[in-house]
PDB file of N, CA and C in Angstrom:
ATOM      1  N   MET A   1      -7.879   8.118 -12.043  1.00  0.00           N
ATOM      2  CA  MET A   1      -6.407   7.766 -12.637  1.00  0.00           C
ATOM      3  C   MET A   1      -6.399   6.754 -13.005  1.00  0.00           C
ATOM      4  N   LYS A   2      -5.978   6.115 -14.069  1.00  0.00           N
ATOM      5  CA  LYS A   2      -6.201   5.314 -14.639  1.00  0.00           C
ATOM      6  C   LYS A   2      -5.053   4.629 -14.340  1.00  0.00           C
ATOM      7  N   ASN A   3      -5.099   2.831 -14.220  1.00  0.00           N
ATOM      8  CA  ASN A   3      -4.245   1.766 -14.098  1.00  0.00           C
ATOM      9  C   ASN A   3      -2.432   2.212 -14.924  1.00  0.00           C
ATOM     10  N   ARG A   4      -1.868   2.102 -14.703  1.00  0.00           N
ATOM     11  CA  ARG A   4      -0.166   2.158 -15.774  1.00  0.00           C
ATOM     12  C   ARG A   4       0.344   0.966 -16.077  1.00  0.00           C
ATOM     13  N   ILE A   5       0.551   0.559 -16.946  1.00  0.00           N
ATOM     14  CA  ILE A   5       0.972  -0.407 -17.274  1.00  0.00           C
ATOM     15  C   ILE A   5       2.387   0.113 -18.076  1.00  0.00           C
ATOM     16  N   LEU A   6       3.378  -0.568 -17.630  1.00  0.00           N
ATOM     17  CA  LEU A   6       5.316  -1.288 -18.221  1.00  0.00           C
ATOM     18  C   LEU A   6       4.638  -2.128 -19.394  1.00  0.00           C
ATOM     19  N   LEU A   7       5.017  -2.026 -20.373  1.00  0.00           N
ATOM     20  CA  LEU A   7       4.938  -2.801 -21.190  1.00  0.00           C
ATOM     21  C   LEU A   7       6.261  -3.083 -22.084  1.00  0.00           C
ATOM     22  N   VAL A   8       7.263  -3.788 -21.720  1.00  0.00           N
ATOM     23  CA  VAL A   8       8.530  -4.104 -22.572  1.00  0.00           C
ATOM     24  C   VAL A   8       8.570  -5.248 -23.535  1.00  0.00           C
ATOM     25  N   GLU A   9       8.556  -4.770 -24.690  1.00  0.00           N
ATOM     26  CA  GLU A   9       8.592  -6.020 -25.382  1.00  0.00           C
ATOM     27  C   GLU A   9       9.341  -5.374 -27.089  1.00  0.00           C
ATOM     28  N   ASP A  10      10.381  -5.866 -27.632  1.00  0.00           N
ATOM     29  CA  ASP A  10      11.363  -5.965 -28.586  1.00  0.00           C
ATOM     30  C   ASP A  10      10.431  -6.110 -30.343  1.00  0.00           C
ATOM     31  N   ASP A  11       9.743  -6.886 -30.537  1.00  0.00           N
ATOM     32  CA  ASP A  11       9.179  -6.755 -31.391  1.00  0.00           C
ATOM     33  C   ASP A  11       7.855  -5.714 -31.227  1.00  0.00           C
ATOM     34  N   SER A  12       7.783  -4.605 -32.215  1.00  0.00           N
ATOM     35  CA  SER A  12       7.381  -3.936 -32.627  1.00  0.00           C
ATOM     36  C   SER A  12       5.829  -3.598 -32.807  1.00  0.00           C
ATOM     37  N   THR A  13       5.770  -4.851 -33.727  1.00  0.00           N
ATOM     38  CA  THR A  13       3.945  -4.596 -34.318  1.00  0.00           C
ATOM     39  C   THR A  13       3.314  -5.570 -32.842  1.00  0.00           C
ATOM     40  N   LEU A  14       4.018  -6.258 -32.082  1.00  0.00           N
ATOM     41  CA  LEU A  14       3.450  -7.388 -31.121  1.00  0.00           C
ATOM     42  C   LEU A  14       3.496  -5.999 -30.068  1.00  0.00           C
ATOM     43  N   LEU A  15       4.382  -5.205 -29.705  1.00  0.00           N
ATOM     44  CA  LEU A  15       4.251  -3.499 -28.975  1.00  0.00           C
ATOM     45  C   LEU A  15       3.255  -3.131 -29.199  1.00  0.00           C
ATOM     46  N   MET A  16       2.674  -2.694 -30.202  1.00  0.00           N
ATOM     47  CA  MET A  16       1.604  -1.883 -30.880  1.00  0.00           C
ATOM     48  C   MET A  16       0.538  -2.639 -30.471  1.00  0.00           C
ATOM     49  N   ILE A  17       0.719  -3.875 -30.922  1.00  0.00           N
ATOM     50  CA  ILE A  17      -0.669  -4.659 -30.698  1.00  0.00           C
ATOM     51  C   ILE A  17      -1.104  -4.596 -29.509  1.00  0.00           C
ATOM     52  N   VAL A  18      -0.618  -5.240 -28.688  1.00  0.00           N
ATOM     53  CA  VAL A  18      -0.795  -4.762 -26.914  1.00  0.00           C
ATOM     54  C   VAL A  18      -1.064  -3.679 -26.326  1.00  0.00           C
ATOM     55  N   SER A  19      -0.385  -3.026 -26.704  1.00  0.00           N
ATOM     56  CA  SER A  19      -0.505  -1.905 -26.422  1.00  0.00           C
ATOM     57  C   SER A  19      -1.355  -1.055 -26.682  1.00  0.00           C
ATOM     58  N   GLU A  20      -2.149  -1.102 -27.902  1.00  0.00           N
ATOM     59  CA  GLU A  20      -3.704  -0.322 -28.617  1.00  0.00           C
ATOM     60  C   GLU A  20      -4.501  -1.732 -27.730  1.00  0.00           C
ATOM     61  N   THR A  21      -4.448  -2.562 -27.617  1.00  0.00           N
ATOM     62  CA  THR A  21      -5.567  -3.388 -26.837  1.00  0.00           C
ATOM     63  C   THR A  21      -5.582  -2.680 -25.207  1.00  0.00           C
ATOM     64  N   LEU A  22      -4.485  -2.705 -24.325  1.00  0.00           N
ATOM     65  CA  LEU A  22      -5.037  -1.954 -23.411  1.00  0.00           C
ATOM     66  C   LEU A  22      -5.106  -0.961 -22.816  1.00  0.00           C
ATOM     67  N   GLN A  23      -4.756   0.160 -24.191  1.00  0.00           N
ATOM     68  CA  GLN A  23      -5.582   1.138 -24.157  1.00  0.00           C
ATOM     69  C   GLN A  23      -6.773   1.392 -24.412  1.00  0.00           C
ATOM     70  N   ARG A  24      -7.328   0.633 -25.040  1.00  0.00           N
ATOM     71  CA  ARG A  24      -8.857   0.700 -25.278  1.00  0.00           C
ATOM     72  C   ARG A  24      -9.644   0.160 -24.293  1.00  0.00           C
ATOM     73  N   ASP A  25      -9.074  -0.969 -23.415  1.00  0.00           N
ATOM     74  CA  ASP A  25      -9.305  -0.926 -22.102  1.00  0.00           C
ATOM     75  C   ASP A  25      -9.506  -0.530 -20.792  1.00  0.00           C
ATOM     76  N   GLY A  26      -9.170   1.011 -21.492  1.00  0.00           N
ATOM     77  CA  GLY A  26      -8.510   2.363 -20.360  1.00  0.00           C
ATOM     78  C   GLY A  26      -7.718   2.346 -19.648  1.00  0.00           C
ATOM     79  N   PHE A  27      -6.219   1.791 -19.792  1.00  0.00           N
ATOM     80  CA  PHE A  27      -5.437   1.467 -19.146  1.00  0.00           C
ATOM     81  C   PHE A  27      -4.348   2.370 -20.386  1.00  0.00           C
ATOM     82  N   GLU A  28      -3.368   3.159 -18.900  1.00  0.00           N
ATOM     83  CA  GLU A  28      -2.339   4.120 -19.408  1.00  0.00           C
ATOM     84  C   GLU A  28      -1.353   3.158 -19.809  1.00  0.00           C
ATOM     85  N   VAL A  29      -0.463   2.652 -20.882  1.00  0.00           N
ATOM     86  CA  VAL A  29       0.275   1.955 -21.286  1.00  0.00           C
ATOM     87  C   VAL A  29       1.926   3.241 -21.631  1.00  0.00           C
ATOM     88  N   LEU A  30       2.764   2.715 -20.661  1.00  0.00           N
ATOM     89  CA  LEU A  30       4.467   3.036 -20.792  1.00  0.00           C
ATOM     90  C   LEU A  30       4.425   2.078 -21.684  1.00  0.00           C
ATOM     91  N   THR A  31       5.708   2.311 -22.828  1.00  0.00           N
ATOM     92  CA  THR A  31       6.582   1.341 -23.894  1.00  0.00           C
ATOM     93  C   THR A  31       7.690   1.258 -23.499  1.00  0.00           C
ATOM     94  N   ALA A  32       8.282   0.010 -23.921  1.00  0.00           N
ATOM     95  CA  ALA A  32       9.840   0.247 -24.382  1.00  0.00           C
ATOM     96  C   ALA A  32      10.052  -1.252 -25.314  1.00  0.00           C
ATOM     97  N   GLY A  33      11.108  -1.103 -25.642  1.00  0.00           N
ATOM     98  CA  GLY A  33      11.590  -1.495 -26.869  1.00  0.00           C
ATOM     99  C   GLY A  33      13.222  -2.681 -25.981  1.00  0.00           C
ATOM    100  N   ASP A  34      14.001  -2.171 -24.722  1.00  0.00           N
ATOM    101  CA  ASP A  34      14.311  -3.482 -24.126  1.00  0.00           C
ATOM    102  C   ASP A  34      14.547  -3.248 -22.869  1.00  0.00           C
ATOM    103  N   GLY A  35      15.235  -4.000 -22.215  1.00  0.00           N
ATOM    104  CA  GLY A  35      15.266  -3.654 -20.772  1.00  0.00           C
ATOM    105  C   GLY A  35      15.768  -2.960 -19.961  1.00  0.00           C
ATOM    106  N   GLU A  36      16.349  -2.294 -20.045  1.00  0.00           N
ATOM    107  CA  GLU A  36      17.292  -1.003 -19.678  1.00  0.00           C
ATOM    108  C   GLU A  36      15.994  -0.005 -20.104  1.00  0.00           C
ATOM    109  N   ASP A  37      15.704   0.505 -21.216  1.00  0.00           N
ATOM    110  CA  ASP A  37      14.711   1.349 -21.744  1.00  0.00           C
ATOM    111  C   ASP A  37      13.164   0.952 -20.401  1.00  0.00           C
ATOM    112  N   GLY A  38      13.205  -0.131 -20.494  1.00  0.00           N
ATOM    113  CA  GLY A  38      11.894  -0.483 -19.744  1.00  0.00           C
ATOM    114  C   GLY A  38      12.513  -0.324 -18.037  1.00  0.00           C
ATOM    115  N   LEU A  39      13.556  -0.168 -17.737  1.00  0.00           N
ATOM    116  CA  LEU A  39      13.952   0.155 -15.782  1.00  0.00           C
ATOM    117  C   LEU A  39      13.668   1.103 -15.458  1.00  0.00           C
ATOM    118  N   ARG A  40      14.548   2.281 -17.006  1.00  0.00           N
ATOM    119  CA  ARG A  40      14.366   3.220 -17.214  1.00  0.00           C
ATOM    120  C   ARG A  40      13.053   4.073 -16.927  1.00  0.00           C
ATOM    121  N   LYS A  41      12.100   3.302 -17.333  1.00  0.00           N
ATOM    122  CA  LYS A  41      10.639   4.121 -17.524  1.00  0.00           C
ATOM    123  C   LYS A  41       9.586   3.461 -15.689  1.00  0.00           C
ATOM    124  N   PHE A  42      10.545   2.333 -15.821  1.00  0.00           N
ATOM    125  CA  PHE A  42       9.897   2.001 -14.352  1.00  0.00           C
ATOM    126  C   PHE A  42      10.282   2.895 -13.416  1.00  0.00           C
ATOM    127  N   THR A  43      11.709   3.184 -13.293  1.00  0.00           N
ATOM    128  CA  THR A  43      12.603   4.207 -12.465  1.00  0.00           C
ATOM    129  C   THR A  43      11.459   5.777 -12.421  1.00  0.00           C
ATOM    130  N   ARG A  44      11.676   5.927 -13.767  1.00  0.00           N
ATOM    131  CA  ARG A  44      11.028   7.554 -13.440  1.00  0.00           C
ATOM    132  C   ARG A  44      10.050   7.828 -13.351  1.00  0.00           C
ATOM    133  N   HIS A  45       8.993   6.668 -13.822  1.00  0.00           N
ATOM    134  CA  HIS A  45       7.421   6.814 -14.154  1.00  0.00           C
ATOM    135  C   HIS A  45       6.860   6.060 -12.662  1.00  0.00           C
ATOM    136  N   GLY A  46       7.240   4.909 -12.441  1.00  0.00           N
ATOM    137  CA  GLY A  46       6.026   3.310 -11.608  1.00  0.00           C
ATOM    138  C   GLY A  46       5.403   3.080 -12.744  1.00  0.00           C
ATOM    139  N   ALA A  47       4.954   1.916 -11.817  1.00  0.00           N
ATOM    140  CA  ALA A  47       3.793   1.288 -12.865  1.00  0.00           C
ATOM    141  C   ALA A  47       2.900   0.539 -11.485  1.00  0.00           C
ATOM    142  N   ASP A  48       1.725   0.046 -12.830  1.00  0.00           N
ATOM    143  CA  ASP A  48       0.937  -0.656 -11.176  1.00  0.00           C
ATOM    144  C   ASP A  48       1.038  -2.185 -11.966  1.00  0.00           C
ATOM    145  N   LEU A  49       2.112  -2.325 -13.075  1.00  0.00           N
ATOM    146  CA  LEU A  49       1.957  -3.878 -13.720  1.00  0.00           C
ATOM    147  C   LEU A  49       3.045  -3.805 -14.278  1.00  0.00           C
ATOM    148  N   ILE A  50       3.820  -5.119 -14.554  1.00  0.00           N
ATOM    149  CA  ILE A  50       4.546  -4.904 -15.780  1.00  0.00           C
ATOM    150  C   ILE A  50       4.188  -6.319 -16.590  1.00  0.00           C
ATOM    151  N   ILE A  51       4.998  -6.510 -17.581  1.00  0.00           N
ATOM    152  CA  ILE A  51       4.781  -6.988 -18.290  1.00  0.00           C
ATOM    153  C   ILE A  51       6.018  -6.676 -19.643  1.00  0.00           C
ATOM    154  N   ALA A  52       6.668  -8.187 -19.036  1.00  0.00           N
ATOM    155  CA  ALA A  52       7.665  -8.097 -19.992  1.00  0.00           C
ATOM    156  C   ALA A  52       8.643  -9.298 -21.077  1.00  0.00           C
ATOM    157  N   ASP A  53       8.583  -9.013 -22.197  1.00  0.00           N
ATOM    158  CA  ASP A  53       9.430 -10.183 -23.007  1.00  0.00           C
ATOM    159  C   ASP A  53      10.549 -10.480 -22.144  1.00  0.00           C
ATOM    160  N   VAL A  54      11.259 -11.353 -22.460  1.00  0.00           N
ATOM    161  CA  VAL A  54      12.186 -12.223 -21.568  1.00  0.00           C
ATOM    162  C   VAL A  54      13.764 -11.850 -22.367  1.00  0.00           C
ATOM    163  N   MET A  55      13.214 -12.330 -24.370  1.00  0.00           N
ATOM    164  CA  MET A  55      14.327 -11.934 -24.529  1.00  0.00           C
ATOM    165  C   MET A  55      14.696 -10.899 -25.828  1.00  0.00           C
ATOM    166  N   MET A  56      15.733  -9.922 -25.188  1.00  0.00           N
ATOM    167  CA  MET A  56      15.722  -8.503 -25.740  1.00  0.00           C
ATOM    168  C   MET A  56      17.168  -8.367 -25.752  1.00  0.00           C
ATOM    169  N   PRO A  57      16.874  -7.393 -26.671  1.00  0.00           N
ATOM    170  CA  PRO A  57      18.527  -6.601 -26.423  1.00  0.00           C
ATOM    171  C   PRO A  57      18.325  -5.756 -25.735  1.00  0.00           C
ATOM    172  N   ARG A  58      20.733  -5.367 -25.549  1.00  0.00           N
ATOM    173  CA  ARG A  58      20.959  -4.842 -24.534  1.00  0.00           C
ATOM    174  C   ARG A  58      20.847  -5.243 -22.970  1.00  0.00           C
ATOM    175  N   MET A  59      19.248  -5.502 -22.390  1.00  0.00           N
ATOM    176  CA  MET A  59      19.050  -5.714 -20.933  1.00  0.00           C
ATOM    177  C   MET A  59      17.991  -7.089 -21.148  1.00  0.00           C
ATOM    178  N   ASP A  60      17.700  -8.085 -20.660  1.00  0.00           N
ATOM    179  CA  ASP A  60      16.562  -9.289 -21.061  1.00  0.00           C
ATOM    180  C   ASP A  60      16.374  -8.946 -19.841  1.00  0.00           C
ATOM    181  N   GLY A  61      14.860  -9.204 -19.870  1.00  0.00           N
ATOM    182  CA  GLY A  61      13.439  -9.287 -19.305  1.00  0.00           C
ATOM    183  C   GLY A  61      14.106  -9.963 -17.644  1.00  0.00           C
ATOM    184  N   PHE A  62      14.365 -11.062 -17.796  1.00  0.00           N
ATOM    185  CA  PHE A  62      14.807 -11.207 -16.447  1.00  0.00           C
ATOM    186  C   PHE A  62      15.748 -10.464 -16.037  1.00  0.00           C
ATOM    187  N   GLU A  63      16.522  -9.587 -16.535  1.00  0.00           N
ATOM    188  CA  GLU A  63      17.789  -8.975 -16.174  1.00  0.00           C
ATOM    189  C   GLU A  63      17.318  -7.592 -15.463  1.00  0.00           C
ATOM    190  N   MET A  64      16.225  -6.964 -15.636  1.00  0.00           N
ATOM    191  CA  MET A  64      15.452  -5.749 -15.699  1.00  0.00           C
ATOM    192  C   MET A  64      14.728  -6.531 -14.941  1.00  0.00           C
ATOM    193  N   GLY A  65      13.841  -7.839 -14.753  1.00  0.00           N
ATOM    194  CA  GLY A  65      13.035  -8.228 -13.469  1.00  0.00           C
ATOM    195  C   GLY A  65      13.553  -8.221 -11.892  1.00  0.00           C
ATOM    196  N   ARG A  66      14.989  -8.341 -12.093  1.00  0.00           N
ATOM    197  CA  ARG A  66      15.605  -8.692 -10.600  1.00  0.00           C
ATOM    198  C   ARG A  66      15.992  -7.451  -9.967  1.00  0.00           C
ATOM    199  N   ARG A  67      16.362  -6.147 -11.553  1.00  0.00           N
ATOM    200  CA  ARG A  67      16.333  -5.050 -11.075  1.00  0.00           C
ATOM    201  C   ARG A  67      15.348  -4.292 -10.433  1.00  0.00           C
ATOM    202  N   ILE A  68      14.150  -4.801 -11.118  1.00  0.00           N
ATOM    203  CA  ILE A  68      13.395  -3.822 -10.415  1.00  0.00           C
ATOM    204  C   ILE A  68      12.480  -4.474  -9.315  1.00  0.00           C
ATOM    205  N   ARG A  69      13.152  -5.702  -8.829  1.00  0.00           N
ATOM    206  CA  ARG A  69      12.489  -6.407  -7.876  1.00  0.00           C
ATOM    207  C   ARG A  69      13.481  -5.635  -6.375  1.00  0.00           C
ATOM    208  N   GLN A  70      14.842  -5.115  -6.554  1.00  0.00           N
ATOM    209  CA  GLN A  70      14.998  -4.511  -6.053  1.00  0.00           C
ATOM    210  C   GLN A  70      14.524  -3.164  -5.258  1.00  0.00           C
ATOM    211  N   LEU A  71      14.194  -2.617  -6.307  1.00  0.00           N
ATOM    212  CA  LEU A  71      12.891  -1.202  -5.986  1.00  0.00           C
ATOM    213  C   LEU A  71      11.748  -1.529  -5.657  1.00  0.00           C
ATOM    214  N   ASP A  72      11.341  -2.386  -5.529  1.00  0.00           N
ATOM    215  CA  ASP A  72      10.141  -2.886  -5.695  1.00  0.00           C
ATOM    216  C   ASP A  72       9.270  -4.759  -5.279  1.00  0.00           C
ATOM    217  N   ARG A  73       9.763  -4.439  -4.455  1.00  0.00           N
ATOM    218  CA  ARG A  73       9.161  -6.140  -4.521  1.00  0.00           C
ATOM    219  C   ARG A  73       7.467  -6.398  -4.268  1.00  0.00           C
ATOM    220  N   ASN A  74       6.803  -5.276  -4.409  1.00  0.00           N
ATOM    221  CA  ASN A  74       5.847  -5.373  -4.899  1.00  0.00           C
ATOM    222  C   ASN A  74       4.816  -5.675  -6.176  1.00  0.00           C
ATOM    223  N   VAL A  75       5.114  -4.481  -7.589  1.00  0.00           N
ATOM    224  CA  VAL A  75       4.695  -4.390  -8.399  1.00  0.00           C
ATOM    225  C   VAL A  75       4.663  -5.592  -9.044  1.00  0.00           C
ATOM    226  N   PRO A  76       3.282  -6.367 -10.041  1.00  0.00           N
ATOM    227  CA  PRO A  76       2.940  -7.562 -10.432  1.00  0.00           C
ATOM    228  C   PRO A  76       4.230  -7.585 -11.623  1.00  0.00           C
ATOM    229  N   LEU A  77       4.441  -7.872 -11.771  1.00  0.00           N
ATOM    230  CA  LEU A  77       5.541  -8.561 -13.415  1.00  0.00           C
ATOM    231  C   LEU A  77       5.348  -9.941 -13.726  1.00  0.00           C
ATOM    232  N   LEU A  78       4.777  -9.778 -15.034  1.00  0.00           N
ATOM    233  CA  LEU A  78       4.538 -11.117 -15.741  1.00  0.00           C
ATOM    234  C   LEU A  78       5.210 -10.793 -16.781  1.00  0.00           C
ATOM    235  N   PHE A  79       5.958 -12.489 -17.019  1.00  0.00           N
ATOM    236  CA  PHE A  79       6.417 -12.843 -18.467  1.00  0.00           C
ATOM    237  C   PHE A  79       5.760 -13.055 -19.292  1.00  0.00           C
ATOM    238  N   LEU A  80       5.954 -12.355 -21.228  1.00  0.00           N
ATOM    239  CA  LEU A  80       5.373 -12.298 -22.017  1.00  0.00           C
ATOM    240  C   LEU A  80       6.233 -13.378 -22.644  1.00  0.00           C
ATOM    241  N   THR A  81       6.237 -14.315 -23.351  1.00  0.00           N
ATOM    242  CA  THR A  81       7.522 -14.729 -23.541  1.00  0.00           C
ATOM    243  C   THR A  81       7.515 -15.999 -24.124  1.00  0.00           C
ATOM    244  N   ALA A  82       7.992 -16.702 -25.474  1.00  0.00           N
ATOM    245  CA  ALA A  82       8.049 -17.612 -26.274  1.00  0.00           C
ATOM    246  C   ALA A  82       8.677 -19.328 -25.259  1.00  0.00           C
ATOM    247  N   LYS A  83       9.830 -18.490 -24.287  1.00  0.00           N
ATOM    248  CA  LYS A  83      10.633 -19.141 -24.110  1.00  0.00           C
ATOM    249  C   LYS A  83       9.902 -20.161 -23.009  1.00  0.00           C
ATOM    250  N   SER A  84       9.581 -21.050 -23.038  1.00  0.00           N
ATOM    251  CA  SER A  84       8.882 -22.149 -22.101  1.00  0.00           C
ATOM    252  C   SER A  84       9.663 -23.668 -21.544  1.00  0.00           C
ATOM    253  N   GLU A  85      10.855 -23.532 -21.873  1.00  0.00           N
ATOM    254  CA  GLU A  85      11.663 -24.607 -21.292  1.00  0.00           C
ATOM    255  C   GLU A  85      10.897 -24.519 -19.833  1.00  0.00           C
ATOM    256  N   ILE A  86      11.543 -25.630 -18.834  1.00  0.00           N
ATOM    257  CA  ILE A  86      11.320 -25.520 -17.552  1.00  0.00           C
ATOM    258  C   ILE A  86      12.062 -24.533 -16.930  1.00  0.00           C
ATOM    259  N   ASP A  87      13.451 -24.575 -17.084  1.00  0.00           N
ATOM    260  CA  ASP A  87      14.459 -24.282 -16.481  1.00  0.00           C
ATOM    261  C   ASP A  87      14.013 -22.684 -16.637  1.00  0.00           C
ATOM    262  N   ASP A  88      13.707 -21.611 -17.447  1.00  0.00           N
ATOM    263  CA  ASP A  88      12.992 -20.816 -17.789  1.00  0.00           C
ATOM    264  C   ASP A  88      12.199 -20.054 -17.419  1.00  0.00           C
ATOM    265  N   ILE A  89      11.003 -20.870 -16.930  1.00  0.00           N
ATOM    266  CA  ILE A  89       9.704 -20.663 -16.257  1.00  0.00           C
ATOM    267  C   ILE A  89      10.413 -20.836 -14.450  1.00  0.00           C
ATOM    268  N   VAL A  90      11.173 -21.574 -14.374  1.00  0.00           N
ATOM    269  CA  VAL A  90      11.443 -21.801 -12.735  1.00  0.00           C
ATOM    270  C   VAL A  90      12.160 -20.073 -12.287  1.00  0.00           C
ATOM    271  N   GLU A  91      13.657 -19.791 -13.554  1.00  0.00           N
ATOM    272  CA  GLU A  91      14.220 -18.583 -12.946  1.00  0.00           C
ATOM    273  C   GLU A  91      13.270 -17.518 -13.068  1.00  0.00           C
ATOM    274  N   GLY A  92      11.669 -17.681 -13.822  1.00  0.00           N
ATOM    275  CA  GLY A  92      11.302 -16.139 -13.811  1.00  0.00           C
ATOM    276  C   GLY A  92      10.200 -16.587 -12.238  1.00  0.00           C
ATOM    277  N   PHE A  93       9.707 -17.509 -12.211  1.00  0.00           N
ATOM    278  CA  PHE A  93       9.991 -17.500 -10.504  1.00  0.00           C
ATOM    279  C   PHE A  93      10.164 -17.111  -9.420  1.00  0.00           C
ATOM    280  N   GLU A  94      11.701 -17.378  -9.697  1.00  0.00           N
ATOM    281  CA  GLU A  94      12.654 -17.373  -8.545  1.00  0.00           C
ATOM    282  C   GLU A  94      12.859 -16.111  -8.494  1.00  0.00           C
ATOM    283  N   LEU A  95      13.260 -15.480  -9.931  1.00  0.00           N
ATOM    284  CA  LEU A  95      14.035 -13.837  -9.816  1.00  0.00           C
ATOM    285  C   LEU A  95      11.862 -12.753  -9.330  1.00  0.00           C
ATOM    286  N   GLY A  96      10.725 -13.206  -9.041  1.00  0.00           N
ATOM    287  CA  GLY A  96       9.994 -12.523  -8.552  1.00  0.00           C
ATOM    288  C   GLY A  96       8.842 -12.583  -9.737  1.00  0.00           C
ATOM    289  N   GLY A  97       8.897 -13.149 -10.669  1.00  0.00           N
ATOM    290  CA  GLY A  97       7.781 -12.867 -11.676  1.00  0.00           C
ATOM    291  C   GLY A  97       6.665 -13.745 -10.978  1.00  0.00           C
ATOM    292  N   ASN A  98       5.013 -13.043 -11.090  1.00  0.00           N
ATOM    293  CA  ASN A  98       4.070 -13.438 -10.802  1.00  0.00           C
ATOM    294  C   ASN A  98       3.270 -14.389 -11.132  1.00  0.00           C
ATOM    295  N   ASP A  99       3.792 -13.956 -12.891  1.00  0.00           N
ATOM    296  CA  ASP A  99       3.620 -15.249 -13.848  1.00  0.00           C
ATOM    297  C   ASP A  99       4.238 -15.176 -14.946  1.00  0.00           C
ATOM    298  N   TYR A 100       3.921 -16.445 -15.870  1.00  0.00           N
ATOM    299  CA  TYR A 100       5.142 -16.513 -16.801  1.00  0.00           C
ATOM    300  C   TYR A 100       4.248 -16.791 -18.211  1.00  0.00           C
TER     301      TYR A 100
END
């Protein structure tokens, strides 16, 4: 059984590049273009790892992360984002992110 990664990113080009790279490395990849879709896919299918952008439409990555942490405190959650202000990094870790 392949490890399942949920990749949540609103930039379709970046989503495709990262997804294809992970698939070539043997992972099963679920993709979502915003936090609402990411939360829905996590709830329905689960994941062994979540990689999420922060700045997305409809629901940002931080809010999605908060909601996922209410469902599962153990799934690794990585934020892949251009937001690099100290306050953003602290918020990402405080809500349960494993890396930023």
